Amino acid sequence: MKSLLVIVAILYTASVQAEVYKWVDENGRVHYGDKPGAGSQAIEVRQYETSNKPASSGGDELSRDKKRQRISDMLEEDRLTKNKQREKKNKEREKKKRKCNRLKDRQRHYERASGLYNLDKDGNRIYISNEQREKSEQKLRQQIKKACG
């Protein structure tokens, strides 16, 4: 009876599969957990059958090599993920910097210009009033504050 209970318990625990989730936080750190979080994805956990037979030294070495390879693969995947995130952040930072510089150049142009104008459909200059100019400069300052913040 007792051995039957042990066998049932072993079979039950072998059939239960827990989900493992992987996610990257805002600092680029990789986390693993048993509960899903924001932006997490379920990953496959491979289960290996074990036996009560004593392992031979050659099989043990093979098992170690497989474990090392698995760990190495996971670390490589994490490294590639971090590099992609770092590259994405750098591209976004450069894009923001270019936009900031363009807006600041436009502000310098506004400050140096004696009068601002728009072109009509024939290409003629239509100078804007001081009130319109002030509104344009204020709008530009807000854009700079937002982009360069």
C-alpha atoms as a PDB file:
ATOM      1  CA  MET A   1       0.000   0.000   0.000  1.00  0.00           C
ATOM      2  CA  LYS A   2       2.769   2.344   0.968  1.00  0.00           C
ATOM      3  CA  SER A   3       4.733   1.624  -2.206  1.00  0.00           C
ATOM      4  CA  LEU A   4       1.592   2.237  -4.298  1.00  0.00           C
ATOM      5  CA  LEU A   5       1.168   5.638  -2.660  1.00  0.00           C
ATOM      6  CA  VAL A   6       4.817   6.520  -3.403  1.00  0.00           C
ATOM      7  CA  ILE A   7       4.419   5.507  -7.053  1.00  0.00           C
ATOM      8  CA  VAL A   8       1.243   7.584  -7.433  1.00  0.00           C
ATOM      9  CA  ALA A   9       2.955  10.578  -5.850  1.00  0.00           C
ATOM     10  CA  ILE A  10       5.935  10.252  -8.207  1.00  0.00           C
ATOM     11  CA  LEU A  11       3.709   9.950 -11.268  1.00  0.00           C
ATOM     12  CA  TYR A  12       1.628  12.919 -10.168  1.00  0.00           C
ATOM     13  CA  THR A  13       4.631  15.190  -9.662  1.00  0.00           C
ATOM     14  CA  ALA A  14       6.114  14.084 -12.972  1.00  0.00           C
ATOM     15  CA  SER A  15       2.914  14.987 -14.812  1.00  0.00           C
ATOM     16  CA  VAL A  16       2.587  18.449 -13.279  1.00  0.00           C
ATOM     17  CA  GLN A  17       4.324  21.064 -15.395  1.00  0.00           C
ATOM     18  CA  ALA A  18       4.841  24.515 -14.027  1.00  0.00           C
ATOM     19  CA  GLU A  19       5.061  27.462 -16.388  1.00  0.00           C
ATOM     20  CA  VAL A  20       8.264  29.467 -16.270  1.00  0.00           C
ATOM     21  CA  TYR A  21       8.192  33.073 -17.451  1.00  0.00           C
ATOM     22  CA  LYS A  22      11.026  35.261 -18.670  1.00  0.00           C
ATOM     23  CA  TRP A  23      10.974  39.067 -18.889  1.00  0.00           C
ATOM     24  CA  VAL A  24      13.332  42.014 -19.166  1.00  0.00           C
ATOM     25  CA  ASP A  25      12.871  44.990 -16.859  1.00  0.00           C
ATOM     26  CA  GLU A  26      13.344  48.673 -17.801  1.00  0.00           C
ATOM     27  CA  ASN A  27      17.030  48.448 -16.816  1.00  0.00           C
ATOM     28  CA  GLY A  28      17.642  45.612 -19.270  1.00  0.00           C
ATOM     29  CA  ARG A  29      17.923  42.895 -16.612  1.00  0.00           C
ATOM     30  CA  VAL A  30      16.522  39.472 -17.445  1.00  0.00           C
ATOM     31  CA  HIS A  31      14.280  37.837 -14.841  1.00  0.00           C
ATOM     32  CA  TYR A  32      12.677  34.411 -14.539  1.00  0.00           C
ATOM     33  CA  GLY A  33       9.631  33.544 -12.446  1.00  0.00           C
ATOM     34  CA  ASP A  34       6.646  31.251 -12.052  1.00  0.00           C
ATOM     35  CA  LYS A  35       4.039  34.024 -12.349  1.00  0.00           C
ATOM     36  CA  PRO A  36       3.421  36.058 -15.504  1.00  0.00           C
ATOM     37  CA  GLY A  37       4.261  39.735 -15.315  1.00  0.00           C
ATOM     38  CA  ALA A  38       4.034  42.686 -17.679  1.00  0.00           C
ATOM     39  CA  GLY A  39       5.812  41.842 -20.917  1.00  0.00           C
ATOM     40  CA  SER A  40       6.672  38.319 -19.820  1.00  0.00           C
ATOM     41  CA  GLN A  41       6.650  35.319 -22.083  1.00  0.00           C
ATOM     42  CA  ALA A  42       6.342  31.667 -21.228  1.00  0.00           C
ATOM     43  CA  ILE A  43       9.459  29.645 -21.965  1.00  0.00           C
ATOM     44  CA  GLU A  44       9.746  25.942 -22.520  1.00  0.00           C
ATOM     45  CA  VAL A  45      11.244  23.983 -19.669  1.00  0.00           C
ATOM     46  CA  ARG A  46      12.603  20.665 -20.739  1.00  0.00           C
ATOM     47  CA  GLN A  47      12.090  17.803 -18.320  1.00  0.00           C
ATOM     48  CA  TYR A  48      14.442  14.881 -18.335  1.00  0.00           C
ATOM     49  CA  GLU A  49      13.652  11.471 -16.990  1.00  0.00           C
ATOM     50  CA  THR A  50      15.925  10.255 -14.277  1.00  0.00           C
ATOM     51  CA  SER A  51      16.645   6.733 -13.224  1.00  0.00           C
ATOM     52  CA  ASN A  52      17.865   5.239 -10.005  1.00  0.00           C
ATOM     53  CA  LYS A  53      20.668   3.448 -11.808  1.00  0.00           C
ATOM     54  CA  PRO A  54      24.131   4.642 -10.905  1.00  0.00           C
ATOM     55  CA  ALA A  55      25.525   6.750 -13.707  1.00  0.00           C
ATOM     56  CA  SER A  56      28.708   5.680 -15.371  1.00  0.00           C
ATOM     57  CA  SER A  57      31.516   8.209 -15.466  1.00  0.00           C
ATOM     58  CA  GLY A  58      31.162   8.673 -19.253  1.00  0.00           C
ATOM     59  CA  GLY A  59      27.413   9.374 -19.061  1.00  0.00           C
ATOM     60  CA  ASP A  60      27.912  11.779 -16.187  1.00  0.00           C
ATOM     61  CA  GLU A  61      30.436  13.741 -18.226  1.00  0.00           C
ATOM     62  CA  LEU A  62      28.004  13.846 -21.168  1.00  0.00           C
ATOM     63  CA  SER A  63      25.275  15.123 -18.901  1.00  0.00           C
ATOM     64  CA  ARG A  64      27.558  17.863 -17.606  1.00  0.00           C
ATOM     65  CA  ASP A  65      28.460  18.870 -21.139  1.00  0.00           C
ATOM     66  CA  LYS A  66      24.786  19.100 -22.062  1.00  0.00           C
ATOM     67  CA  LYS A  67      24.073  21.228 -19.000  1.00  0.00           C
ATOM     68  CA  ARG A  68      27.005  23.492 -19.764  1.00  0.00           C
ATOM     69  CA  GLN A  69      25.842  23.853 -23.364  1.00  0.00           C
ATOM     70  CA  ARG A  70      22.291  24.643 -22.248  1.00  0.00           C
ATOM     71  CA  ILE A  71      23.528  27.290 -19.817  1.00  0.00           C
ATOM     72  CA  SER A  72      25.861  28.689 -22.443  1.00  0.00           C
ATOM     73  CA  ASP A  73      22.984  28.902 -24.950  1.00  0.00           C
ATOM     74  CA  MET A  74      20.756  30.683 -22.447  1.00  0.00           C
ATOM     75  CA  LEU A  75      23.496  33.168 -21.556  1.00  0.00           C
ATOM     76  CA  GLU A  76      24.176  33.828 -25.231  1.00  0.00           C
ATOM     77  CA  GLU A  77      20.470  34.420 -25.858  1.00  0.00           C
ATOM     78  CA  ASP A  78      20.313  36.845 -22.920  1.00  0.00           C
ATOM     79  CA  ARG A  79      23.431  38.650 -24.159  1.00  0.00           C
ATOM     80  CA  LEU A  80      21.960  39.050 -27.639  1.00  0.00           C
ATOM     81  CA  THR A  81      18.687  40.337 -26.183  1.00  0.00           C
ATOM     82  CA  LYS A  82      20.531  42.901 -24.070  1.00  0.00           C
ATOM     83  CA  ASN A  83      22.609  44.010 -27.054  1.00  0.00           C
ATOM     84  CA  LYS A  84      19.485  44.499 -29.177  1.00  0.00           C
ATOM     85  CA  GLN A  85      17.860  46.545 -26.426  1.00  0.00           C
ATOM     86  CA  ARG A  86      21.016  48.620 -25.985  1.00  0.00           C
ATOM     87  CA  GLU A  87      21.197  49.277 -29.743  1.00  0.00           C
ATOM     88  CA  LYS A  88      17.524  50.272 -29.812  1.00  0.00           C
ATOM     89  CA  LYS A  89      18.023  52.709 -26.911  1.00  0.00           C
ATOM     90  CA  ASN A  90      21.096  54.207 -28.596  1.00  0.00           C
ATOM     91  CA  LYS A  91      19.204  54.688 -31.879  1.00  0.00           C
ATOM     92  CA  GLU A  92      16.316  56.365 -30.053  1.00  0.00           C
ATOM     93  CA  ARG A  93      18.752  58.589 -28.161  1.00  0.00           C
ATOM     94  CA  GLU A  94      20.506  59.615 -31.400  1.00  0.00           C
ATOM     95  CA  LYS A  95      17.182  60.320 -33.116  1.00  0.00           C
ATOM     96  CA  LYS A  96      16.089  62.500 -30.193  1.00  0.00           C
ATOM     97  CA  LYS A  97      19.434  64.319 -30.230  1.00  0.00           C
ATOM     98  CA  ARG A  98      19.152  65.058 -33.983  1.00  0.00           C
ATOM     99  CA  LYS A  99      15.625  66.388 -33.534  1.00  0.00           C
ATOM    100  CA  CYS A 100      16.757  68.569 -30.633  1.00  0.00           C
ATOM    101  CA  ASN A 101      19.633  69.977 -32.709  1.00  0.00           C
ATOM    102  CA  ARG A 102      17.330  70.746 -35.672  1.00  0.00           C
ATOM    103  CA  LEU A 103      14.930  72.626 -33.425  1.00  0.00           C
ATOM    104  CA  LYS A 104      17.754  74.594 -31.774  1.00  0.00           C
ATOM    105  CA  ASP A 105      19.116  75.511 -35.225  1.00  0.00           C
ATOM    106  CA  ARG A 106      15.678  76.771 -36.203  1.00  0.00           C
ATOM    107  CA  GLN A 107      15.545  78.823 -32.980  1.00  0.00           C
ATOM    108  CA  ARG A 108      18.937  80.414 -33.794  1.00  0.00           C
ATOM    109  CA  HIS A 109      17.628  81.223 -37.280  1.00  0.00           C
ATOM    110  CA  TYR A 110      14.528  82.870 -35.775  1.00  0.00           C
ATOM    111  CA  GLU A 111      16.688  84.939 -33.429  1.00  0.00           C
ATOM    112  CA  ARG A 112      19.040  86.132 -36.204  1.00  0.00           C
ATOM    113  CA  ALA A 113      16.346  86.879 -38.763  1.00  0.00           C
ATOM    114  CA  SER A 114      15.062  90.445 -38.932  1.00  0.00           C
ATOM    115  CA  GLY A 115      11.723  89.267 -40.260  1.00  0.00           C
ATOM    116  CA  LEU A 116      10.027  85.901 -40.717  1.00  0.00           C
ATOM    117  CA  TYR A 117       7.959  85.085 -43.750  1.00  0.00           C
ATOM    118  CA  ASN A 118       5.961  82.356 -45.417  1.00  0.00           C
ATOM    119  CA  LEU A 119       5.877  81.677 -49.142  1.00  0.00           C
ATOM    120  CA  ASP A 120       2.629  81.809 -51.083  1.00  0.00           C
ATOM    121  CA  LYS A 121       1.847  79.401 -53.938  1.00  0.00           C
ATOM    122  CA  ASP A 122       3.648  81.677 -56.410  1.00  0.00           C
ATOM    123  CA  GLY A 123       6.816  81.762 -54.271  1.00  0.00           C
ATOM    124  CA  ASN A 124       6.325  85.333 -53.032  1.00  0.00           C
ATOM    125  CA  ARG A 125       7.300  86.236 -49.475  1.00  0.00           C
ATOM    126  CA  ILE A 126       4.516  87.101 -47.068  1.00  0.00           C
ATOM    127  CA  TYR A 127       6.027  88.523 -43.880  1.00  0.00           C
ATOM    128  CA  ILE A 128       4.347  87.532 -40.628  1.00  0.00           C
ATOM    129  CA  SER A 129       3.387  90.035 -37.943  1.00  0.00           C
ATOM    130  CA  ASN A 130       5.299  90.409 -34.675  1.00  0.00           C
ATOM    131  CA  GLU A 131       2.387  88.717 -32.881  1.00  0.00           C
ATOM    132  CA  GLN A 132       2.555  85.701 -35.192  1.00  0.00           C
ATOM    133  CA  ARG A 133       6.327  85.645 -34.843  1.00  0.00           C
ATOM    134  CA  GLU A 134       6.043  85.603 -31.031  1.00  0.00           C
ATOM    135  CA  LYS A 135       3.571  82.692 -31.234  1.00  0.00           C
ATOM    136  CA  SER A 136       5.920  80.806 -33.566  1.00  0.00           C
ATOM    137  CA  GLU A 137       8.884  81.376 -31.240  1.00  0.00           C
ATOM    138  CA  GLN A 138       6.866  80.275 -28.207  1.00  0.00           C
ATOM    139  CA  LYS A 139       5.703  77.131 -30.014  1.00  0.00           C
ATOM    140  CA  LEU A 140       9.315  76.413 -31.008  1.00  0.00           C
ATOM    141  CA  ARG A 141      10.494  76.836 -27.389  1.00  0.00           C
ATOM    142  CA  GLN A 142       7.862  74.310 -26.275  1.00  0.00           C
ATOM    143  CA  GLN A 143       8.988  71.857 -28.961  1.00  0.00           C
ATOM    144  CA  ILE A 144      12.602  72.273 -27.837  1.00  0.00           C
ATOM    145  CA  LYS A 145      11.641  71.713 -24.212  1.00  0.00           C
ATOM    146  CA  LYS A 146       9.769  68.538 -25.179  1.00  0.00           C
ATOM    147  CA  ALA A 147      12.467  67.192 -27.524  1.00  0.00           C
ATOM    148  CA  CYS A 148      15.555  68.184 -25.515  1.00  0.00           C
ATOM    149  CA  GLY A 149      13.967  67.897 -22.054  1.00  0.00           C
END
